[in-house]
ModelCIF file with pLDDT and N, C-alpha, C, O atoms, coordinates in Angstrom:
data_MODEL
#
_entry.id   MODEL 
#
_entity.id                         1 
_entity.type                       polymer 
_entity.pdbx_number_of_molecules   1 
#
_entity_poly.entity_id                      1 
_entity_poly.type                           'polypeptide(L)' 
_entity_poly.nstd_linkage                   no 
_entity_poly.nstd_monomer                   no 
_entity_poly.pdbx_seq_one_letter_code       
;(UNK)(UNK)(UNK)(UNK)(UNK)(UNK)(UNK)(UNK)(UNK)(UNK)(UNK)(UNK)(UNK)(UNK)(UNK)(UNK)
(UNK)(UNK)(UNK)(UNK)(UNK)(UNK)(UNK)(UNK)(UNK)(UNK)(UNK)(UNK)(UNK)(UNK)(UNK)(UNK)
(UNK)(UNK)(UNK)(UNK)(UNK)(UNK)(UNK)(UNK)(UNK)(UNK)(UNK)(UNK)(UNK)(UNK)(UNK)
;
_entity_poly.pdbx_seq_one_letter_code_can   XXXXXXXXXXXXXXXXXXXXXXXXXXXXXXXXXXXXXXXXXXXXXXX 
_entity_poly.pdbx_strand_id                 A 
#
loop_
_entity_poly_seq.entity_id 
_entity_poly_seq.num 
_entity_poly_seq.mon_id 
_entity_poly_seq.hetero 
1 1  UNK n 
1 2  UNK n 
1 3  UNK n 
1 4  UNK n 
1 5  UNK n 
1 6  UNK n 
1 7  UNK n 
1 8  UNK n 
1 9  UNK n 
1 10 UNK n 
1 11 UNK n 
1 12 UNK n 
1 13 UNK n 
1 14 UNK n 
1 15 UNK n 
1 16 UNK n 
1 17 UNK n 
1 18 UNK n 
1 19 UNK n 
1 20 UNK n 
1 21 UNK n 
1 22 UNK n 
1 23 UNK n 
1 24 UNK n 
1 25 UNK n 
1 26 UNK n 
1 27 UNK n 
1 28 UNK n 
1 29 UNK n 
1 30 UNK n 
1 31 UNK n 
1 32 UNK n 
1 33 UNK n 
1 34 UNK n 
1 35 UNK n 
1 36 UNK n 
1 37 UNK n 
1 38 UNK n 
1 39 UNK n 
1 40 UNK n 
1 41 UNK n 
1 42 UNK n 
1 43 UNK n 
1 44 UNK n 
1 45 UNK n 
1 46 UNK n 
1 47 UNK n 
#
_struct_asym.id          A 
_struct_asym.entity_id   1 
#
loop_
_ma_qa_metric.id 
_ma_qa_metric.mode 
_ma_qa_metric.name 
_ma_qa_metric.software_group_id 
_ma_qa_metric.type 
1 global pLDDT . pLDDT 
2 local  pLDDT . pLDDT 
#
_ma_qa_metric_global.metric_id      1 
_ma_qa_metric_global.metric_value   66.17 
_ma_qa_metric_global.model_id       1 
_ma_qa_metric_global.ordinal_id     1 
#
loop_
_ma_qa_metric_local.label_asym_id 
_ma_qa_metric_local.label_comp_id 
_ma_qa_metric_local.label_seq_id 
_ma_qa_metric_local.metric_id 
_ma_qa_metric_local.metric_value 
_ma_qa_metric_local.model_id 
_ma_qa_metric_local.ordinal_id 
A UNK 1  2 62.00 1 1  
A UNK 2  2 58.00 1 2  
A UNK 3  2 56.00 1 3  
A UNK 4  2 51.00 1 4  
A UNK 5  2 50.00 1 5  
A UNK 6  2 47.00 1 6  
A UNK 7  2 46.00 1 7  
A UNK 8  2 45.00 1 8  
A UNK 9  2 43.00 1 9  
A UNK 10 2 45.00 1 10 
A UNK 11 2 45.00 1 11 
A UNK 12 2 42.00 1 12 
A UNK 13 2 37.00 1 13 
A UNK 14 2 42.00 1 14 
A UNK 15 2 47.00 1 15 
A UNK 16 2 51.00 1 16 
A UNK 17 2 47.00 1 17 
A UNK 18 2 50.00 1 18 
A UNK 19 2 50.00 1 19 
A UNK 20 2 54.00 1 20 
A UNK 21 2 53.00 1 21 
A UNK 22 2 56.00 1 22 
A UNK 23 2 62.00 1 23 
A UNK 24 2 63.00 1 24 
A UNK 25 2 73.00 1 25 
A UNK 26 2 77.00 1 26 
A UNK 27 2 74.00 1 27 
A UNK 28 2 78.00 1 28 
A UNK 29 2 85.00 1 29 
A UNK 30 2 82.00 1 30 
A UNK 31 2 83.00 1 31 
A UNK 32 2 88.00 1 32 
A UNK 33 2 90.00 1 33 
A UNK 34 2 87.00 1 34 
A UNK 35 2 88.00 1 35 
A UNK 36 2 91.00 1 36 
A UNK 37 2 92.00 1 37 
A UNK 38 2 90.00 1 38 
A UNK 39 2 87.00 1 39 
A UNK 40 2 82.00 1 40 
A UNK 41 2 74.00 1 41 
A UNK 42 2 74.00 1 42 
A UNK 43 2 83.00 1 43 
A UNK 44 2 84.00 1 44 
A UNK 45 2 78.00 1 45 
A UNK 46 2 81.00 1 46 
A UNK 47 2 87.00 1 47 
#
loop_
_atom_site.group_PDB 
_atom_site.id 
_atom_site.type_symbol 
_atom_site.label_atom_id 
_atom_site.label_alt_id 
_atom_site.label_comp_id 
_atom_site.label_asym_id 
_atom_site.label_entity_id 
_atom_site.label_seq_id 
_atom_site.pdbx_PDB_ins_code 
_atom_site.Cartn_x 
_atom_site.Cartn_y 
_atom_site.Cartn_z 
_atom_site.occupancy 
_atom_site.B_iso_or_equiv 
_atom_site.pdbx_formal_charge 
_atom_site.auth_seq_id 
_atom_site.auth_comp_id 
_atom_site.auth_asym_id 
_atom_site.auth_atom_id 
_atom_site.pdbx_PDB_model_num 
ATOM 1   N N  . UNK A 1 1  ? 184.923 33.413 86.778 1.00 62.00 ? 1  UNK A N  1 
ATOM 2   C CA . UNK A 1 1  ? 185.717 34.311 87.621 1.00 62.00 ? 1  UNK A CA 1 
ATOM 3   C C  . UNK A 1 1  ? 186.940 34.822 86.899 1.00 62.00 ? 1  UNK A C  1 
ATOM 4   O O  . UNK A 1 1  ? 187.428 35.921 87.163 1.00 62.00 ? 1  UNK A O  1 
ATOM 5   N N  . UNK A 1 2  ? 187.448 33.971 85.944 1.00 58.00 ? 2  UNK A N  1 
ATOM 6   C CA . UNK A 1 2  ? 188.618 34.397 85.173 1.00 58.00 ? 2  UNK A CA 1 
ATOM 7   C C  . UNK A 1 2  ? 188.257 35.271 83.994 1.00 58.00 ? 2  UNK A C  1 
ATOM 8   O O  . UNK A 1 2  ? 189.127 35.701 83.238 1.00 58.00 ? 2  UNK A O  1 
ATOM 9   N N  . UNK A 1 3  ? 186.946 35.539 83.836 1.00 56.00 ? 3  UNK A N  1 
ATOM 10  C CA . UNK A 1 3  ? 186.520 36.417 82.744 1.00 56.00 ? 3  UNK A CA 1 
ATOM 11  C C  . UNK A 1 3  ? 186.227 35.728 81.473 1.00 56.00 ? 3  UNK A C  1 
ATOM 12  O O  . UNK A 1 3  ? 186.131 36.393 80.442 1.00 56.00 ? 3  UNK A O  1 
ATOM 13  N N  . UNK A 1 4  ? 186.073 34.421 81.463 1.00 51.00 ? 4  UNK A N  1 
ATOM 14  C CA . UNK A 1 4  ? 185.796 33.673 80.229 1.00 51.00 ? 4  UNK A CA 1 
ATOM 15  C C  . UNK A 1 4  ? 184.397 33.160 80.229 1.00 51.00 ? 4  UNK A C  1 
ATOM 16  O O  . UNK A 1 4  ? 183.792 32.994 81.288 1.00 51.00 ? 4  UNK A O  1 
ATOM 17  N N  . UNK A 1 5  ? 183.859 32.901 79.043 1.00 50.00 ? 5  UNK A N  1 
ATOM 18  C CA . UNK A 1 5  ? 182.534 32.331 78.913 1.00 50.00 ? 5  UNK A CA 1 
ATOM 19  C C  . UNK A 1 5  ? 182.636 30.949 78.370 1.00 50.00 ? 5  UNK A C  1 
ATOM 20  O O  . UNK A 1 5  ? 183.628 30.615 77.722 1.00 50.00 ? 5  UNK A O  1 
ATOM 21  N N  . UNK A 1 6  ? 181.639 30.118 78.611 1.00 47.00 ? 6  UNK A N  1 
ATOM 22  C CA . UNK A 1 6  ? 181.665 28.726 78.167 1.00 47.00 ? 6  UNK A CA 1 
ATOM 23  C C  . UNK A 1 6  ? 180.408 28.331 77.435 1.00 47.00 ? 6  UNK A C  1 
ATOM 24  O O  . UNK A 1 6  ? 180.164 27.143 77.226 1.00 47.00 ? 6  UNK A O  1 
ATOM 25  N N  . UNK A 1 7  ? 179.593 29.312 77.036 1.00 46.00 ? 7  UNK A N  1 
ATOM 26  C CA . UNK A 1 7  ? 178.335 28.966 76.406 1.00 46.00 ? 7  UNK A CA 1 
ATOM 27  C C  . UNK A 1 7  ? 178.511 28.241 75.090 1.00 46.00 ? 7  UNK A C  1 
ATOM 28  O O  . UNK A 1 7  ? 177.640 27.470 74.688 1.00 46.00 ? 7  UNK A O  1 
ATOM 29  N N  . UNK A 1 8  ? 179.620 28.473 74.414 1.00 45.00 ? 8  UNK A N  1 
ATOM 30  C CA . UNK A 1 8  ? 179.805 27.870 73.106 1.00 45.00 ? 8  UNK A CA 1 
ATOM 31  C C  . UNK A 1 8  ? 180.528 26.521 73.171 1.00 45.00 ? 8  UNK A C  1 
ATOM 32  O O  . UNK A 1 8  ? 180.828 25.920 72.139 1.00 45.00 ? 8  UNK A O  1 
ATOM 33  N N  . UNK A 1 9  ? 180.803 26.056 74.381 1.00 43.00 ? 9  UNK A N  1 
ATOM 34  C CA . UNK A 1 9  ? 181.446 24.753 74.535 1.00 43.00 ? 9  UNK A CA 1 
ATOM 35  C C  . UNK A 1 9  ? 182.953 24.790 74.471 1.00 43.00 ? 9  UNK A C  1 
ATOM 36  O O  . UNK A 1 9  ? 183.589 23.735 74.461 1.00 43.00 ? 9  UNK A O  1 
ATOM 37  N N  . UNK A 1 10 ? 183.555 25.981 74.427 1.00 45.00 ? 10 UNK A N  1 
ATOM 38  C CA . UNK A 1 10 ? 185.003 26.090 74.396 1.00 45.00 ? 10 UNK A CA 1 
ATOM 39  C C  . UNK A 1 10 ? 185.552 26.381 75.753 1.00 45.00 ? 10 UNK A C  1 
ATOM 40  O O  . UNK A 1 10 ? 184.823 26.822 76.642 1.00 45.00 ? 10 UNK A O  1 
ATOM 41  N N  . UNK A 1 11 ? 186.847 26.140 75.934 1.00 45.00 ? 11 UNK A N  1 
ATOM 42  C CA . UNK A 1 11 ? 187.521 26.511 77.179 1.00 45.00 ? 11 UNK A CA 1 
ATOM 43  C C  . UNK A 1 11 ? 188.251 27.777 76.946 1.00 45.00 ? 11 UNK A C  1 
ATOM 44  O O  . UNK A 1 11 ? 189.173 27.796 76.131 1.00 45.00 ? 11 UNK A O  1 
ATOM 45  N N  . UNK A 1 12 ? 187.891 28.878 77.630 1.00 42.00 ? 12 UNK A N  1 
ATOM 46  C CA . UNK A 1 12 ? 188.522 30.152 77.322 1.00 42.00 ? 12 UNK A CA 1 
ATOM 47  C C  . UNK A 1 12 ? 189.897 30.253 77.935 1.00 42.00 ? 12 UNK A C  1 
ATOM 48  O O  . UNK A 1 12 ? 190.260 29.437 78.782 1.00 42.00 ? 12 UNK A O  1 
ATOM 49  N N  . UNK A 1 13 ? 190.707 31.288 77.501 1.00 37.00 ? 13 UNK A N  1 
ATOM 50  C CA . UNK A 1 13 ? 192.007 31.514 78.098 1.00 37.00 ? 13 UNK A CA 1 
ATOM 51  C C  . UNK A 1 13 ? 191.883 31.783 79.576 1.00 37.00 ? 13 UNK A C  1 
ATOM 52  O O  . UNK A 1 13 ? 190.850 32.285 80.021 1.00 37.00 ? 13 UNK A O  1 
ATOM 53  N N  . UNK A 1 14 ? 192.902 31.465 80.355 1.00 42.00 ? 14 UNK A N  1 
ATOM 54  C CA . UNK A 1 14 ? 192.879 31.735 81.781 1.00 42.00 ? 14 UNK A CA 1 
ATOM 55  C C  . UNK A 1 14 ? 192.059 30.686 82.496 1.00 42.00 ? 14 UNK A C  1 
ATOM 56  O O  . UNK A 1 14 ? 191.540 29.759 81.874 1.00 42.00 ? 14 UNK A O  1 
ATOM 57  N N  . UNK A 1 15 ? 191.942 30.834 83.818 1.00 47.00 ? 15 UNK A N  1 
ATOM 58  C CA . UNK A 1 15 ? 191.099 29.908 84.599 1.00 47.00 ? 15 UNK A CA 1 
ATOM 59  C C  . UNK A 1 15 ? 191.511 28.487 84.399 1.00 47.00 ? 15 UNK A C  1 
ATOM 60  O O  . UNK A 1 15 ? 192.673 28.137 84.611 1.00 47.00 ? 15 UNK A O  1 
ATOM 61  N N  . UNK A 1 16 ? 190.556 27.635 83.984 1.00 51.00 ? 16 UNK A N  1 
ATOM 62  C CA . UNK A 1 16 ? 190.821 26.205 83.802 1.00 51.00 ? 16 UNK A CA 1 
ATOM 63  C C  . UNK A 1 16 ? 191.922 25.969 82.802 1.00 51.00 ? 16 UNK A C  1 
ATOM 64  O O  . UNK A 1 16 ? 192.800 25.138 83.035 1.00 51.00 ? 16 UNK A O  1 
ATOM 65  N N  . UNK A 1 17 ? 191.897 26.686 81.684 1.00 47.00 ? 17 UNK A N  1 
ATOM 66  C CA . UNK A 1 17 ? 192.898 26.474 80.644 1.00 47.00 ? 17 UNK A CA 1 
ATOM 67  C C  . UNK A 1 17 ? 194.307 26.776 81.180 1.00 47.00 ? 17 UNK A C  1 
ATOM 68  O O  . UNK A 1 17 ? 195.265 26.063 80.881 1.00 47.00 ? 17 UNK A O  1 
ATOM 69  N N  . UNK A 1 18 ? 194.408 27.827 81.960 1.00 50.00 ? 18 UNK A N  1 
ATOM 70  C CA . UNK A 1 18 ? 195.734 28.196 82.464 1.00 50.00 ? 18 UNK A CA 1 
ATOM 71  C C  . UNK A 1 18 ? 196.267 27.162 83.449 1.00 50.00 ? 18 UNK A C  1 
ATOM 72  O O  . UNK A 1 18 ? 197.436 26.784 83.375 1.00 50.00 ? 18 UNK A O  1 
ATOM 73  N N  . UNK A 1 19 ? 195.413 26.696 84.379 1.00 50.00 ? 19 UNK A N  1 
ATOM 74  C CA . UNK A 1 19 ? 195.860 25.751 85.390 1.00 50.00 ? 19 UNK A CA 1 
ATOM 75  C C  . UNK A 1 19 ? 195.939 24.323 84.883 1.00 50.00 ? 19 UNK A C  1 
ATOM 76  O O  . UNK A 1 19 ? 196.789 23.550 85.327 1.00 50.00 ? 19 UNK A O  1 
ATOM 77  N N  . UNK A 1 20 ? 195.042 23.959 83.939 1.00 54.00 ? 20 UNK A N  1 
ATOM 78  C CA . UNK A 1 20 ? 194.896 22.574 83.551 1.00 54.00 ? 20 UNK A CA 1 
ATOM 79  C C  . UNK A 1 20 ? 195.401 22.310 82.131 1.00 54.00 ? 20 UNK A C  1 
ATOM 80  O O  . UNK A 1 20 ? 196.021 21.277 81.878 1.00 54.00 ? 20 UNK A O  1 
ATOM 81  N N  . UNK A 1 21 ? 195.146 23.219 81.224 1.00 53.00 ? 21 UNK A N  1 
ATOM 82  C CA . UNK A 1 21 ? 195.481 22.987 79.812 1.00 53.00 ? 21 UNK A CA 1 
ATOM 83  C C  . UNK A 1 21 ? 196.960 22.720 79.583 1.00 53.00 ? 21 UNK A C  1 
ATOM 84  O O  . UNK A 1 21 ? 197.320 21.822 78.821 1.00 53.00 ? 21 UNK A O  1 
ATOM 85  N N  . UNK A 1 22 ? 197.815 23.491 80.233 1.00 56.00 ? 22 UNK A N  1 
ATOM 86  C CA . UNK A 1 22 ? 199.261 23.298 80.022 1.00 56.00 ? 22 UNK A CA 1 
ATOM 87  C C  . UNK A 1 22 ? 199.699 21.966 80.602 1.00 56.00 ? 22 UNK A C  1 
ATOM 88  O O  . UNK A 1 22 ? 200.543 21.283 80.022 1.00 56.00 ? 22 UNK A O  1 
ATOM 89  N N  . UNK A 1 23 ? 199.126 21.585 81.756 1.00 62.00 ? 23 UNK A N  1 
ATOM 90  C CA . UNK A 1 23 ? 199.465 20.304 82.365 1.00 62.00 ? 23 UNK A CA 1 
ATOM 91  C C  . UNK A 1 23 ? 199.013 19.160 81.476 1.00 62.00 ? 23 UNK A C  1 
ATOM 92  O O  . UNK A 1 23 ? 199.721 18.165 81.323 1.00 62.00 ? 23 UNK A O  1 
ATOM 93  N N  . UNK A 1 24 ? 197.838 19.303 80.896 1.00 63.00 ? 24 UNK A N  1 
ATOM 94  C CA . UNK A 1 24 ? 197.318 18.261 80.015 1.00 63.00 ? 24 UNK A CA 1 
ATOM 95  C C  . UNK A 1 24 ? 198.243 18.137 78.787 1.00 63.00 ? 24 UNK A C  1 
ATOM 96  O O  . UNK A 1 24 ? 198.508 17.029 78.322 1.00 63.00 ? 24 UNK A O  1 
ATOM 97  N N  . UNK A 1 25 ? 198.725 19.262 78.272 1.00 73.00 ? 25 UNK A N  1 
ATOM 98  C CA . UNK A 1 25 ? 199.594 19.234 77.099 1.00 73.00 ? 25 UNK A CA 1 
ATOM 99  C C  . UNK A 1 25 ? 200.922 18.536 77.449 1.00 73.00 ? 25 UNK A C  1 
ATOM 100 O O  . UNK A 1 25 ? 201.475 17.803 76.630 1.00 73.00 ? 25 UNK A O  1 
ATOM 101 N N  . UNK A 1 26 ? 201.421 18.768 78.660 1.00 77.00 ? 26 UNK A N  1 
ATOM 102 C CA . UNK A 1 26 ? 202.652 18.120 79.061 1.00 77.00 ? 26 UNK A CA 1 
ATOM 103 C C  . UNK A 1 26 ? 202.479 16.614 79.170 1.00 77.00 ? 26 UNK A C  1 
ATOM 104 O O  . UNK A 1 26 ? 203.350 15.860 78.737 1.00 77.00 ? 26 UNK A O  1 
ATOM 105 N N  . UNK A 1 27 ? 201.357 16.162 79.746 1.00 74.00 ? 27 UNK A N  1 
ATOM 106 C CA . UNK A 1 27 ? 201.062 14.728 79.812 1.00 74.00 ? 27 UNK A CA 1 
ATOM 107 C C  . UNK A 1 27 ? 200.990 14.111 78.445 1.00 74.00 ? 27 UNK A C  1 
ATOM 108 O O  . UNK A 1 27 ? 201.510 13.019 78.212 1.00 74.00 ? 27 UNK A O  1 
ATOM 109 N N  . UNK A 1 28 ? 200.326 14.833 77.515 1.00 78.00 ? 28 UNK A N  1 
ATOM 110 C CA . UNK A 1 28 ? 200.206 14.318 76.171 1.00 78.00 ? 28 UNK A CA 1 
ATOM 111 C C  . UNK A 1 28 ? 201.581 14.188 75.521 1.00 78.00 ? 28 UNK A C  1 
ATOM 112 O O  . UNK A 1 28 ? 201.864 13.200 74.843 1.00 78.00 ? 28 UNK A O  1 
ATOM 113 N N  . UNK A 1 29 ? 202.451 15.212 75.738 1.00 85.00 ? 29 UNK A N  1 
ATOM 114 C CA . UNK A 1 29 ? 203.802 15.155 75.205 1.00 85.00 ? 29 UNK A CA 1 
ATOM 115 C C  . UNK A 1 29 ? 204.577 14.006 75.777 1.00 85.00 ? 29 UNK A C  1 
ATOM 116 O O  . UNK A 1 29 ? 205.324 13.348 75.053 1.00 85.00 ? 29 UNK A O  1 
ATOM 117 N N  . UNK A 1 30 ? 204.419 13.733 77.098 1.00 82.00 ? 30 UNK A N  1 
ATOM 118 C CA . UNK A 1 30 ? 205.079 12.593 77.714 1.00 82.00 ? 30 UNK A CA 1 
ATOM 119 C C  . UNK A 1 30 ? 204.695 11.275 77.012 1.00 82.00 ? 30 UNK A C  1 
ATOM 120 O O  . UNK A 1 30 ? 205.548 10.436 76.722 1.00 82.00 ? 30 UNK A O  1 
ATOM 121 N N  . UNK A 1 31 ? 203.418 11.126 76.756 1.00 83.00 ? 31 UNK A N  1 
ATOM 122 C CA . UNK A 1 31 ? 202.937 9.908  76.120 1.00 83.00 ? 31 UNK A CA 1 
ATOM 123 C C  . UNK A 1 31 ? 203.507 9.727  74.732 1.00 83.00 ? 31 UNK A C  1 
ATOM 124 O O  . UNK A 1 31 ? 203.840 8.612  74.331 1.00 83.00 ? 31 UNK A O  1 
ATOM 125 N N  . UNK A 1 32 ? 203.621 10.824 73.994 1.00 88.00 ? 32 UNK A N  1 
ATOM 126 C CA . UNK A 1 32 ? 204.153 10.759 72.624 1.00 88.00 ? 32 UNK A CA 1 
ATOM 127 C C  . UNK A 1 32 ? 205.649 10.397 72.645 1.00 88.00 ? 32 UNK A C  1 
ATOM 128 O O  . UNK A 1 32 ? 206.108 9.593  71.834 1.00 88.00 ? 32 UNK A O  1 
ATOM 129 N N  . UNK A 1 33 ? 206.402 10.996 73.579 1.00 90.00 ? 33 UNK A N  1 
ATOM 130 C CA . UNK A 1 33 ? 207.839 10.698 73.658 1.00 90.00 ? 33 UNK A CA 1 
ATOM 131 C C  . UNK A 1 33 ? 208.050 9.268  74.130 1.00 90.00 ? 33 UNK A C  1 
ATOM 132 O O  . UNK A 1 33 ? 208.967 8.590  73.668 1.00 90.00 ? 33 UNK A O  1 
ATOM 133 N N  . UNK A 1 34 ? 207.202 8.806  75.051 1.00 87.00 ? 34 UNK A N  1 
ATOM 134 C CA . UNK A 1 34 ? 207.270 7.433  75.515 1.00 87.00 ? 34 UNK A CA 1 
ATOM 135 C C  . UNK A 1 34 ? 207.148 6.443  74.366 1.00 87.00 ? 34 UNK A C  1 
ATOM 136 O O  . UNK A 1 34 ? 207.905 5.476  74.279 1.00 87.00 ? 34 UNK A O  1 
ATOM 137 N N  . UNK A 1 35 ? 206.198 6.696  73.498 1.00 88.00 ? 35 UNK A N  1 
ATOM 138 C CA . UNK A 1 35 ? 206.004 5.832  72.333 1.00 88.00 ? 35 UNK A CA 1 
ATOM 139 C C  . UNK A 1 35 ? 207.154 5.953  71.346 1.00 88.00 ? 35 UNK A C  1 
ATOM 140 O O  . UNK A 1 35 ? 207.631 4.948  70.818 1.00 88.00 ? 35 UNK A O  1 
ATOM 141 N N  . UNK A 1 36 ? 207.600 7.176  71.097 1.00 91.00 ? 36 UNK A N  1 
ATOM 142 C CA . UNK A 1 36 ? 208.682 7.420  70.129 1.00 91.00 ? 36 UNK A CA 1 
ATOM 143 C C  . UNK A 1 36 ? 209.975 6.701  70.521 1.00 91.00 ? 36 UNK A C  1 
ATOM 144 O O  . UNK A 1 36 ? 210.666 6.141  69.669 1.00 91.00 ? 36 UNK A O  1 
ATOM 145 N N  . UNK A 1 37 ? 210.296 6.723  71.828 1.00 92.00 ? 37 UNK A N  1 
ATOM 146 C CA . UNK A 1 37 ? 211.555 6.161  72.288 1.00 92.00 ? 37 UNK A CA 1 
ATOM 147 C C  . UNK A 1 37 ? 211.444 4.792  72.927 1.00 92.00 ? 37 UNK A C  1 
ATOM 148 O O  . UNK A 1 37 ? 212.457 4.153  73.210 1.00 92.00 ? 37 UNK A O  1 
ATOM 149 N N  . UNK A 1 38 ? 210.206 4.332  73.159 1.00 90.00 ? 38 UNK A N  1 
ATOM 150 C CA . UNK A 1 38 ? 210.038 3.023  73.780 1.00 90.00 ? 38 UNK A CA 1 
ATOM 151 C C  . UNK A 1 38 ? 210.540 3.002  75.213 1.00 90.00 ? 38 UNK A C  1 
ATOM 152 O O  . UNK A 1 38 ? 211.157 2.028  75.643 1.00 90.00 ? 38 UNK A O  1 
ATOM 153 N N  . UNK A 1 39 ? 210.274 4.090  75.966 1.00 87.00 ? 39 UNK A N  1 
ATOM 154 C CA . UNK A 1 39 ? 210.736 4.223  77.347 1.00 87.00 ? 39 UNK A CA 1 
ATOM 155 C C  . UNK A 1 39 ? 209.533 4.360  78.262 1.00 87.00 ? 39 UNK A C  1 
ATOM 156 O O  . UNK A 1 39 ? 208.410 4.442  77.766 1.00 87.00 ? 39 UNK A O  1 
ATOM 157 N N  . UNK A 1 40 ? 209.716 4.390  79.564 1.00 82.00 ? 40 UNK A N  1 
ATOM 158 C CA . UNK A 1 40 ? 208.648 4.567  80.534 1.00 82.00 ? 40 UNK A CA 1 
ATOM 159 C C  . UNK A 1 40 ? 208.149 6.020  80.510 1.00 82.00 ? 40 UNK A C  1 
ATOM 160 O O  . UNK A 1 40 ? 208.822 6.908  79.986 1.00 82.00 ? 40 UNK A O  1 
ATOM 161 N N  . UNK A 1 41 ? 206.973 6.244  81.080 1.00 74.00 ? 41 UNK A N  1 
ATOM 162 C CA . UNK A 1 41 ? 206.415 7.582  81.137 1.00 74.00 ? 41 UNK A CA 1 
ATOM 163 C C  . UNK A 1 41 ? 207.328 8.497  81.975 1.00 74.00 ? 41 UNK A C  1 
ATOM 164 O O  . UNK A 1 41 ? 207.482 9.676  81.657 1.00 74.00 ? 41 UNK A O  1 
ATOM 165 N N  . UNK A 1 42 ? 207.923 7.960  83.030 1.00 74.00 ? 42 UNK A N  1 
ATOM 166 C CA . UNK A 1 42 ? 208.842 8.742  83.854 1.00 74.00 ? 42 UNK A CA 1 
ATOM 167 C C  . UNK A 1 42 ? 210.100 9.137  83.096 1.00 74.00 ? 42 UNK A C  1 
ATOM 168 O O  . UNK A 1 42 ? 210.582 10.262 83.226 1.00 74.00 ? 42 UNK A O  1 
ATOM 169 N N  . UNK A 1 43 ? 210.639 8.194  82.292 1.00 83.00 ? 43 UNK A N  1 
ATOM 170 C CA . UNK A 1 43 ? 211.844 8.442  81.516 1.00 83.00 ? 43 UNK A CA 1 
ATOM 171 C C  . UNK A 1 43 ? 211.505 9.478  80.432 1.00 83.00 ? 43 UNK A C  1 
ATOM 172 O O  . UNK A 1 43 ? 212.331 10.337 80.124 1.00 83.00 ? 43 UNK A O  1 
ATOM 173 N N  . UNK A 1 44 ? 210.300 9.405  79.853 1.00 84.00 ? 44 UNK A N  1 
ATOM 174 C CA . UNK A 1 44 ? 209.906 10.362 78.837 1.00 84.00 ? 44 UNK A CA 1 
ATOM 175 C C  . UNK A 1 44 ? 209.903 11.772 79.393 1.00 84.00 ? 44 UNK A C  1 
ATOM 176 O O  . UNK A 1 44 ? 210.367 12.698 78.728 1.00 84.00 ? 44 UNK A O  1 
ATOM 177 N N  . UNK A 1 45 ? 209.390 11.951 80.599 1.00 78.00 ? 45 UNK A N  1 
ATOM 178 C CA . UNK A 1 45 ? 209.387 13.274 81.219 1.00 78.00 ? 45 UNK A CA 1 
ATOM 179 C C  . UNK A 1 45 ? 210.812 13.726 81.489 1.00 78.00 ? 45 UNK A C  1 
ATOM 180 O O  . UNK A 1 45 ? 211.134 14.900 81.305 1.00 78.00 ? 45 UNK A O  1 
ATOM 181 N N  . UNK A 1 46 ? 211.679 12.801 81.926 1.00 81.00 ? 46 UNK A N  1 
ATOM 182 C CA . UNK A 1 46 ? 213.081 13.177 82.180 1.00 81.00 ? 46 UNK A CA 1 
ATOM 183 C C  . UNK A 1 46 ? 213.732 13.677 80.890 1.00 81.00 ? 46 UNK A C  1 
ATOM 184 O O  . UNK A 1 46 ? 214.457 14.672 80.908 1.00 81.00 ? 46 UNK A O  1 
ATOM 185 N N  . UNK A 1 47 ? 213.481 12.997 79.779 1.00 87.00 ? 47 UNK A N  1 
ATOM 186 C CA . UNK A 1 47 ? 214.050 13.403 78.505 1.00 87.00 ? 47 UNK A CA 1 
ATOM 187 C C  . UNK A 1 47 ? 213.556 14.785 78.091 1.00 87.00 ? 47 UNK A C  1 
ATOM 188 O O  . UNK A 1 47 ? 213.939 15.286 77.034 1.00 87.00 ? 47 UNK A O  1 
#
């Protein structure tokens, strides 16, 4: 519906990537900062 194809196994721009991809990237960043600073996941997001 967003105009992307998935036959090649990739996630196209828009649609799922727009709604989900950025959120996934933020969660991944939280985890990395949590490890870097030795803080909780909530504190990592606050930082």
